[in-house]
Structure formats: C-alpha cells, structure tokens
PDB file of N, CA and C in Angstrom:
ATOM      1  N   UNK A   1       0.831  -1.159  -0.005  1.00  0.00           N
ATOM      2  CA  UNK A   1       0.062   0.002   0.027  1.00  0.00           C
ATOM      3  C   UNK A   1       0.853   1.291   0.039  1.00  0.00           C
ATOM      4  N   UNK A   2       0.422   2.202  -0.732  1.00  0.00           N
ATOM      5  CA  UNK A   2       1.247   3.530  -0.870  1.00  0.00           C
ATOM      6  C   UNK A   2       1.191   4.354   0.374  1.00  0.00           C
ATOM      7  N   UNK A   3       2.113   5.155   0.511  1.00  0.00           N
ATOM      8  CA  UNK A   3       2.073   6.067   1.788  1.00  0.00           C
ATOM      9  C   UNK A   3       1.073   7.174   1.489  1.00  0.00           C
ATOM     10  N   UNK A   4       0.333   7.426   2.605  1.00  0.00           N
ATOM     11  CA  UNK A   4      -0.616   8.412   2.478  1.00  0.00           C
ATOM     12  C   UNK A   4      -0.002   9.884   2.554  1.00  0.00           C
ATOM     13  N   UNK A   5       1.075  10.100   3.342  1.00  0.00           N
ATOM     14  CA  UNK A   5       1.741  11.294   3.422  1.00  0.00           C
ATOM     15  C   UNK A   5       3.163  11.108   3.062  1.00  0.00           C
ATOM     16  N   UNK A   6       3.782  12.034   2.270  1.00  0.00           N
ATOM     17  CA  UNK A   6       5.113  11.864   1.824  1.00  0.00           C
ATOM     18  C   UNK A   6       6.147  12.039   3.039  1.00  0.00           C
ATOM     19  N   UNK A   7       7.397  11.741   2.749  1.00  0.00           N
ATOM     20  CA  UNK A   7       8.376  11.862   3.865  1.00  0.00           C
ATOM     21  C   UNK A   7       8.614  13.353   4.126  1.00  0.00           C
ATOM     22  N   UNK A   8       8.487  14.205   3.071  1.00  0.00           N
ATOM     23  CA  UNK A   8       8.689  15.591   3.157  1.00  0.00           C
ATOM     24  C   UNK A   8       7.573  16.240   4.020  1.00  0.00           C
ATOM     25  N   UNK A   9       6.362  15.699   3.912  1.00  0.00           N
ATOM     26  CA  UNK A   9       5.243  16.308   4.762  1.00  0.00           C
ATOM     27  C   UNK A   9       5.490  15.821   6.206  1.00  0.00           C
ATOM     28  N   UNK A  10       5.967  14.592   6.411  1.00  0.00           N
ATOM     29  CA  UNK A  10       6.200  14.127   7.772  1.00  0.00           C
ATOM     30  C   UNK A  10       7.290  14.923   8.390  1.00  0.00           C
ATOM     31  N   UNK A  11       8.322  15.372   7.684  1.00  0.00           N
ATOM     32  CA  UNK A  11       9.348  16.252   8.220  1.00  0.00           C
ATOM     33  C   UNK A  11       8.824  17.594   8.544  1.00  0.00           C
ATOM     34  N   UNK A  12       7.884  18.150   7.824  1.00  0.00           N
ATOM     35  CA  UNK A  12       7.268  19.432   8.111  1.00  0.00           C
ATOM     36  C   UNK A  12       6.493  19.354   9.537  1.00  0.00           C
ATOM     37  N   UNK A  13       5.824  18.273   9.605  1.00  0.00           N
ATOM     38  CA  UNK A  13       4.997  18.117  10.847  1.00  0.00           C
ATOM     39  C   UNK A  13       5.993  18.019  11.971  1.00  0.00           C
ATOM     40  N   UNK A  14       7.030  17.252  11.840  1.00  0.00           N
ATOM     41  CA  UNK A  14       8.029  17.077  12.918  1.00  0.00           C
ATOM     42  C   UNK A  14       8.646  18.392  13.283  1.00  0.00           C
ATOM     43  N   UNK A  15       8.887  19.270  12.293  1.00  0.00           N
ATOM     44  CA  UNK A  15       9.509  20.486  12.629  1.00  0.00           C
ATOM     45  C   UNK A  15       8.547  21.420  13.341  1.00  0.00           C
ATOM     46  N   UNK A  16       7.242  21.317  12.957  1.00  0.00           N
ATOM     47  CA  UNK A  16       6.295  22.156  13.667  1.00  0.00           C
ATOM     48  C   UNK A  16       6.103  21.674  15.058  1.00  0.00           C
ATOM     49  N   UNK A  17       6.125  20.429  15.357  1.00  0.00           N
ATOM     50  CA  UNK A  17       5.954  19.831  16.737  1.00  0.00           C
ATOM     51  C   UNK A  17       7.183  20.251  17.568  1.00  0.00           C
ATOM     52  N   UNK A  18       8.360  20.256  17.040  1.00  0.00           N
ATOM     53  CA  UNK A  18       9.536  20.816  17.837  1.00  0.00           C
ATOM     54  C   UNK A  18       9.450  22.149  18.138  1.00  0.00           C
ATOM     55  N   UNK A  19       8.970  23.017  17.173  1.00  0.00           N
ATOM     56  CA  UNK A  19       8.790  24.489  17.484  1.00  0.00           C
ATOM     57  C   UNK A  19       7.722  24.731  18.543  1.00  0.00           C
ATOM     58  N   UNK A  20       6.703  23.828  18.487  1.00  0.00           N
ATOM     59  CA  UNK A  20       5.601  24.040  19.416  1.00  0.00           C
ATOM     60  C   UNK A  20       6.125  23.751  20.857  1.00  0.00           C
ATOM     61  N   UNK A  21       6.867  22.691  20.996  1.00  0.00           N
ATOM     62  CA  UNK A  21       7.496  22.272  22.324  1.00  0.00           C
ATOM     63  C   UNK A  21       8.491  23.381  22.722  1.00  0.00           C
ATOM     64  N   UNK A  22       9.178  23.932  21.861  1.00  0.00           N
ATOM     65  CA  UNK A  22      10.135  25.002  22.291  1.00  0.00           C
ATOM     66  C   UNK A  22       9.329  26.313  22.550  1.00  0.00           C
ATOM     67  N   UNK A  23       8.073  26.399  22.183  1.00  0.00           N
ATOM     68  CA  UNK A  23       7.307  27.596  22.416  1.00  0.00           C
ATOM     69  C   UNK A  23       7.492  28.755  21.341  1.00  0.00           C
ATOM     70  N   UNK A  24       8.031  28.496  20.178  1.00  0.00           N
ATOM     71  CA  UNK A  24       8.271  29.331  19.184  1.00  0.00           C
ATOM     72  C   UNK A  24       7.338  29.365  17.989  1.00  0.00           C
ATOM     73  N   UNK A  25       6.402  28.235  17.966  1.00  0.00           N
ATOM     74  CA  UNK A  25       5.508  28.173  16.837  1.00  0.00           C
ATOM     75  C   UNK A  25       4.410  29.172  17.030  1.00  0.00           C
ATOM     76  N   UNK A  26       4.090  29.912  15.910  1.00  0.00           N
ATOM     77  CA  UNK A  26       2.989  30.942  15.972  1.00  0.00           C
ATOM     78  C   UNK A  26       2.025  30.602  14.913  1.00  0.00           C
ATOM     79  N   UNK A  27       0.808  31.032  15.172  1.00  0.00           N
ATOM     80  CA  UNK A  27      -0.351  30.795  14.175  1.00  0.00           C
ATOM     81  C   UNK A  27      -0.234  31.907  13.110  1.00  0.00           C
ATOM     82  N   UNK A  28      -0.811  31.696  12.002  1.00  0.00           N
ATOM     83  CA  UNK A  28      -0.851  32.518  10.836  1.00  0.00           C
ATOM     84  C   UNK A  28      -1.245  33.978  11.110  1.00  0.00           C
ATOM     85  N   UNK A  29      -2.529  34.184  11.152  1.00  0.00           N
ATOM     86  CA  UNK A  29      -3.048  35.575  11.265  1.00  0.00           C
ATOM     87  C   UNK A  29      -2.831  36.329  12.467  1.00  0.00           C
ATOM     88  N   UNK A  30      -3.121  35.662  13.535  1.00  0.00           N
ATOM     89  CA  UNK A  30      -3.041  36.414  14.889  1.00  0.00           C
ATOM     90  C   UNK A  30      -1.657  36.489  15.474  1.00  0.00           C
ATOM     91  N   UNK A  31      -0.789  35.464  15.044  1.00  0.00           N
ATOM     92  CA  UNK A  31       0.579  35.410  15.497  1.00  0.00           C
ATOM     93  C   UNK A  31       0.754  35.017  16.898  1.00  0.00           C
ATOM     94  N   UNK A  32      -0.360  34.385  17.430  1.00  0.00           N
ATOM     95  CA  UNK A  32      -0.376  33.909  18.919  1.00  0.00           C
ATOM     96  C   UNK A  32       0.488  32.655  18.970  1.00  0.00           C
ATOM     97  N   UNK A  33       0.993  32.354  20.023  1.00  0.00           N
ATOM     98  CA  UNK A  33       1.671  31.060  20.255  1.00  0.00           C
ATOM     99  C   UNK A  33       0.698  29.850  20.207  1.00  0.00           C
ATOM    100  N   UNK A  34       1.159  28.789  19.510  1.00  0.00           N
ATOM    101  CA  UNK A  34       0.405  27.658  19.277  1.00  0.00           C
ATOM    102  C   UNK A  34       0.660  26.714  20.551  1.00  0.00           C
ATOM    103  N   UNK A  35      -0.427  26.243  21.297  1.00  0.00           N
ATOM    104  CA  UNK A  35      -0.301  25.479  22.344  1.00  0.00           C
ATOM    105  C   UNK A  35      -0.785  23.997  22.142  1.00  0.00           C
ATOM    106  N   UNK A  36      -1.792  23.916  21.190  1.00  0.00           N
ATOM    107  CA  UNK A  36      -2.404  22.724  20.737  1.00  0.00           C
ATOM    108  C   UNK A  36      -1.510  21.834  19.919  1.00  0.00           C
ATOM    109  N   UNK A  37      -1.546  20.469  20.212  1.00  0.00           N
ATOM    110  CA  UNK A  37      -0.802  19.505  19.418  1.00  0.00           C
ATOM    111  C   UNK A  37      -1.391  19.478  18.045  1.00  0.00           C
ATOM    112  N   UNK A  38      -2.808  19.393  18.045  1.00  0.00           N
ATOM    113  CA  UNK A  38      -3.505  19.292  16.808  1.00  0.00           C
ATOM    114  C   UNK A  38      -3.293  20.448  15.772  1.00  0.00           C
ATOM    115  N   UNK A  39      -3.210  21.666  16.407  1.00  0.00           N
ATOM    116  CA  UNK A  39      -2.945  22.826  15.598  1.00  0.00           C
ATOM    117  C   UNK A  39      -1.617  22.787  15.075  1.00  0.00           C
ATOM    118  N   UNK A  40      -0.526  22.301  15.868  1.00  0.00           N
ATOM    119  CA  UNK A  40       0.761  22.196  15.372  1.00  0.00           C
ATOM    120  C   UNK A  40       0.878  21.310  14.137  1.00  0.00           C
ATOM    121  N   UNK A  41       0.063  20.183  14.221  1.00  0.00           N
ATOM    122  CA  UNK A  41       0.069  19.230  13.081  1.00  0.00           C
ATOM    123  C   UNK A  41      -0.543  19.821  11.874  1.00  0.00           C
ATOM    124  N   UNK A  42      -1.622  20.568  12.115  1.00  0.00           N
ATOM    125  CA  UNK A  42      -2.267  21.319  10.960  1.00  0.00           C
ATOM    126  C   UNK A  42      -1.436  22.263  10.279  1.00  0.00           C
ATOM    127  N   UNK A  43      -0.623  22.990  11.075  1.00  0.00           N
ATOM    128  CA  UNK A  43       0.263  24.061  10.502  1.00  0.00           C
ATOM    129  C   UNK A  43       1.365  23.217   9.647  1.00  0.00           C
ATOM    130  N   UNK A  44       1.947  22.130  10.197  1.00  0.00           N
ATOM    131  CA  UNK A  44       2.868  21.418   9.383  1.00  0.00           C
ATOM    132  C   UNK A  44       2.398  20.884   8.144  1.00  0.00           C
ATOM    133  N   UNK A  45       1.116  20.284   8.179  1.00  0.00           N
ATOM    134  CA  UNK A  45       0.530  19.755   6.907  1.00  0.00           C
ATOM    135  C   UNK A  45       0.236  20.890   5.856  1.00  0.00           C
ATOM    136  N   UNK A  46      -0.142  22.099   6.430  1.00  0.00           N
ATOM    137  CA  UNK A  46      -0.515  23.191   5.559  1.00  0.00           C
ATOM    138  C   UNK A  46       0.713  23.602   4.872  1.00  0.00           C
ATOM    139  N   UNK A  47       1.837  23.770   5.614  1.00  0.00           N
ATOM    140  CA  UNK A  47       3.055  24.155   4.982  1.00  0.00           C
ATOM    141  C   UNK A  47       3.557  23.195   3.878  1.00  0.00           C
ATOM    142  N   UNK A  48       3.318  21.795   4.186  1.00  0.00           N
ATOM    143  CA  UNK A  48       3.701  20.766   3.211  1.00  0.00           C
ATOM    144  C   UNK A  48       2.789  20.892   2.002  1.00  0.00           C
ATOM    145  N   UNK A  49       1.544  21.220   2.128  1.00  0.00           N
ATOM    146  CA  UNK A  49       0.635  21.427   1.025  1.00  0.00           C
ATOM    147  C   UNK A  49       1.109  22.556   0.001  1.00  0.00           C
ATOM    148  N   UNK A  50       1.467  23.634   0.746  1.00  0.00           N
ATOM    149  CA  UNK A  50       1.967  24.780  -0.063  1.00  0.00           C
ATOM    150  C   UNK A  50       3.196  24.572  -0.829  1.00  0.00           C
ATOM    151  N   UNK A  51       3.964  23.632  -0.420  1.00  0.00           N
ATOM    152  CA  UNK A  51       5.198  23.307  -1.022  1.00  0.00           C
ATOM    153  C   UNK A  51       5.029  22.133  -2.113  1.00  0.00           C
ATOM    154  N   UNK A  52       3.825  21.609  -2.157  1.00  0.00           N
ATOM    155  CA  UNK A  52       3.411  20.614  -3.177  1.00  0.00           C
ATOM    156  C   UNK A  52       3.803  19.261  -2.805  1.00  0.00           C
ATOM    157  N   UNK A  53       3.905  19.022  -1.514  1.00  0.00           N
ATOM    158  CA  UNK A  53       4.207  17.580  -1.052  1.00  0.00           C
ATOM    159  C   UNK A  53       2.908  16.787  -1.036  1.00  0.00           C
ATOM    160  N   UNK A  54       3.049  15.466  -1.007  1.00  0.00           N
ATOM    161  CA  UNK A  54       1.914  14.521  -1.048  1.00  0.00           C
ATOM    162  C   UNK A  54       1.239  14.542   0.270  1.00  0.00           C
ATOM    163  N   UNK A  55       0.078  15.305   0.345  1.00  0.00           N
ATOM    164  CA  UNK A  55      -0.731  15.258   1.491  1.00  0.00           C
ATOM    165  C   UNK A  55      -2.147  15.181   1.094  1.00  0.00           C
ATOM    166  N   UNK A  56      -3.019  14.310   1.690  1.00  0.00           N
ATOM    167  CA  UNK A  56      -4.408  14.247   1.342  1.00  0.00           C
ATOM    168  C   UNK A  56      -5.089  15.623   1.482  1.00  0.00           C
ATOM    169  N   UNK A  57      -6.105  15.798   0.739  1.00  0.00           N
ATOM    170  CA  UNK A  57      -6.884  17.049   0.728  1.00  0.00           C
ATOM    171  C   UNK A  57      -7.625  17.143   2.018  1.00  0.00           C
ATOM    172  N   UNK A  58      -7.869  18.465   2.469  1.00  0.00           N
ATOM    173  CA  UNK A  58      -8.530  18.737   3.745  1.00  0.00           C
ATOM    174  C   UNK A  58      -9.884  18.115   3.590  1.00  0.00           C
ATOM    175  N   UNK A  59     -10.492  17.660   4.760  1.00  0.00           N
ATOM    176  CA  UNK A  59     -11.742  17.115   4.649  1.00  0.00           C
ATOM    177  C   UNK A  59     -12.828  18.277   4.879  1.00  0.00           C
ATOM    178  N   UNK A  60     -13.910  18.108   4.151  1.00  0.00           N
ATOM    179  CA  UNK A  60     -14.891  19.228   4.191  1.00  0.00           C
ATOM    180  C   UNK A  60     -15.616  19.318   5.586  1.00  0.00           C
ATOM    181  N   UNK A  61     -15.830  20.521   6.023  1.00  0.00           N
ATOM    182  CA  UNK A  61     -16.575  20.687   7.298  1.00  0.00           C
ATOM    183  C   UNK A  61     -17.984  20.326   7.261  1.00  0.00           C
ATOM    184  N   UNK A  62     -18.456  19.735   8.330  1.00  0.00           N
ATOM    185  CA  UNK A  62     -19.907  19.308   8.322  1.00  0.00           C
ATOM    186  C   UNK A  62     -20.719  20.594   8.476  1.00  0.00           C
ATOM    187  N   UNK A  63     -21.815  20.499   7.810  1.00  0.00           N
ATOM    188  CA  UNK A  63     -22.777  21.665   7.871  1.00  0.00           C
ATOM    189  C   UNK A  63     -23.634  21.479   9.137  1.00  0.00           C
ATOM    190  N   UNK A  64     -23.840  22.649   9.843  1.00  0.00           N
ATOM    191  CA  UNK A  64     -24.596  22.513  11.048  1.00  0.00           C
ATOM    192  C   UNK A  64     -26.103  22.636  10.781  1.00  0.00           C
ATOM    193  N   UNK A  65     -26.991  22.332  11.775  1.00  0.00           N
ATOM    194  CA  UNK A  65     -28.378  22.346  11.543  1.00  0.00           C
ATOM    195  C   UNK A  65     -29.020  23.767  12.063  1.00  0.00           C
ATOM    196  N   UNK A  66     -28.118  24.798  12.191  1.00  0.00           N
ATOM    197  CA  UNK A  66     -28.638  26.057  12.655  1.00  0.00           C
ATOM    198  C   UNK A  66     -29.697  26.736  11.726  1.00  0.00           C
ATOM    199  N   UNK A  67     -29.429  26.631  10.457  1.00  0.00           N
ATOM    200  CA  UNK A  67     -30.342  27.322   9.523  1.00  0.00           C
ATOM    201  C   UNK A  67     -31.726  26.579   9.563  1.00  0.00           C
ATOM    202  N   UNK A  68     -31.739  25.334   9.557  1.00  0.00           N
ATOM    203  CA  UNK A  68     -33.024  24.543   9.598  1.00  0.00           C
ATOM    204  C   UNK A  68     -33.855  24.859  10.871  1.00  0.00           C
ATOM    205  N   UNK A  69     -33.174  25.111  11.975  1.00  0.00           N
ATOM    206  CA  UNK A  69     -33.810  25.390  13.252  1.00  0.00           C
ATOM    207  C   UNK A  69     -34.398  26.755  13.158  1.00  0.00           C
ATOM    208  N   UNK A  70     -33.598  27.721  12.612  1.00  0.00           N
ATOM    209  CA  UNK A  70     -34.188  29.111  12.491  1.00  0.00           C
ATOM    210  C   UNK A  70     -35.376  29.096  11.659  1.00  0.00           C
ATOM    211  N   UNK A  71     -35.404  28.447  10.547  1.00  0.00           N
ATOM    212  CA  UNK A  71     -36.573  28.425   9.588  1.00  0.00           C
ATOM    213  C   UNK A  71     -37.829  27.785  10.309  1.00  0.00           C
ATOM    214  N   UNK A  72     -37.600  26.788  11.067  1.00  0.00           N
ATOM    215  CA  UNK A  72     -38.736  26.142  11.703  1.00  0.00           C
ATOM    216  C   UNK A  72     -39.297  26.938  12.890  1.00  0.00           C
ATOM    217  N   UNK A  73     -38.401  27.742  13.549  1.00  0.00           N
ATOM    218  CA  UNK A  73     -38.854  28.580  14.609  1.00  0.00           C
ATOM    219  C   UNK A  73     -39.631  29.671  14.189  1.00  0.00           C
ATOM    220  N   UNK A  74     -39.433  30.220  12.958  1.00  0.00           N
ATOM    221  CA  UNK A  74     -40.093  31.414  12.372  1.00  0.00           C
ATOM    222  C   UNK A  74     -41.591  31.221  12.108  1.00  0.00           C
ATOM    223  N   UNK A  75     -41.853  29.925  11.745  1.00  0.00           N
ATOM    224  CA  UNK A  75     -43.196  29.630  11.164  1.00  0.00           C
ATOM    225  C   UNK A  75     -44.166  29.616  12.275  1.00  0.00           C
TER     226      UNK A  75
END
C-alpha cells in the first residue's frame, strides 16, 4: 500500500511539533503562540501542501443544523 503522506510532509510536521514544544511556533493571522498539538500538526501539513508535498486534501466541514432550526422557529 502506498504512503498516505510523503516523507517531506512528515518532516514538516516534525519541525512544527519541535517548534511548538520550544514555544516558538506561532499561528498565521493572529501570531499567537500555538499550544495545541492538533494545531501544530495542521500547520505542518498546511506548509507541506503549499510546497506541493503529497498530503491528502482537507476534509470538508460538516454543515450545522442552525439554519433549519431558524426556519422552523419562524413559522
């Protein structure tokens, strides 16, 4: 079976995790320090995607049922 993520992508994630542990990893827009392990992985994969490494596409967000609730409450 083929690798899901390339070795280059794995290296990017590893680098992001090391930076997070050192306390120097910052998020994109706000520039705040990243504390979450999941967020550090996401940053590493995002950087790998930008460089064209083999990384699966992002999964689509699930739609919430807020709109349907609003419509039913107005009637």
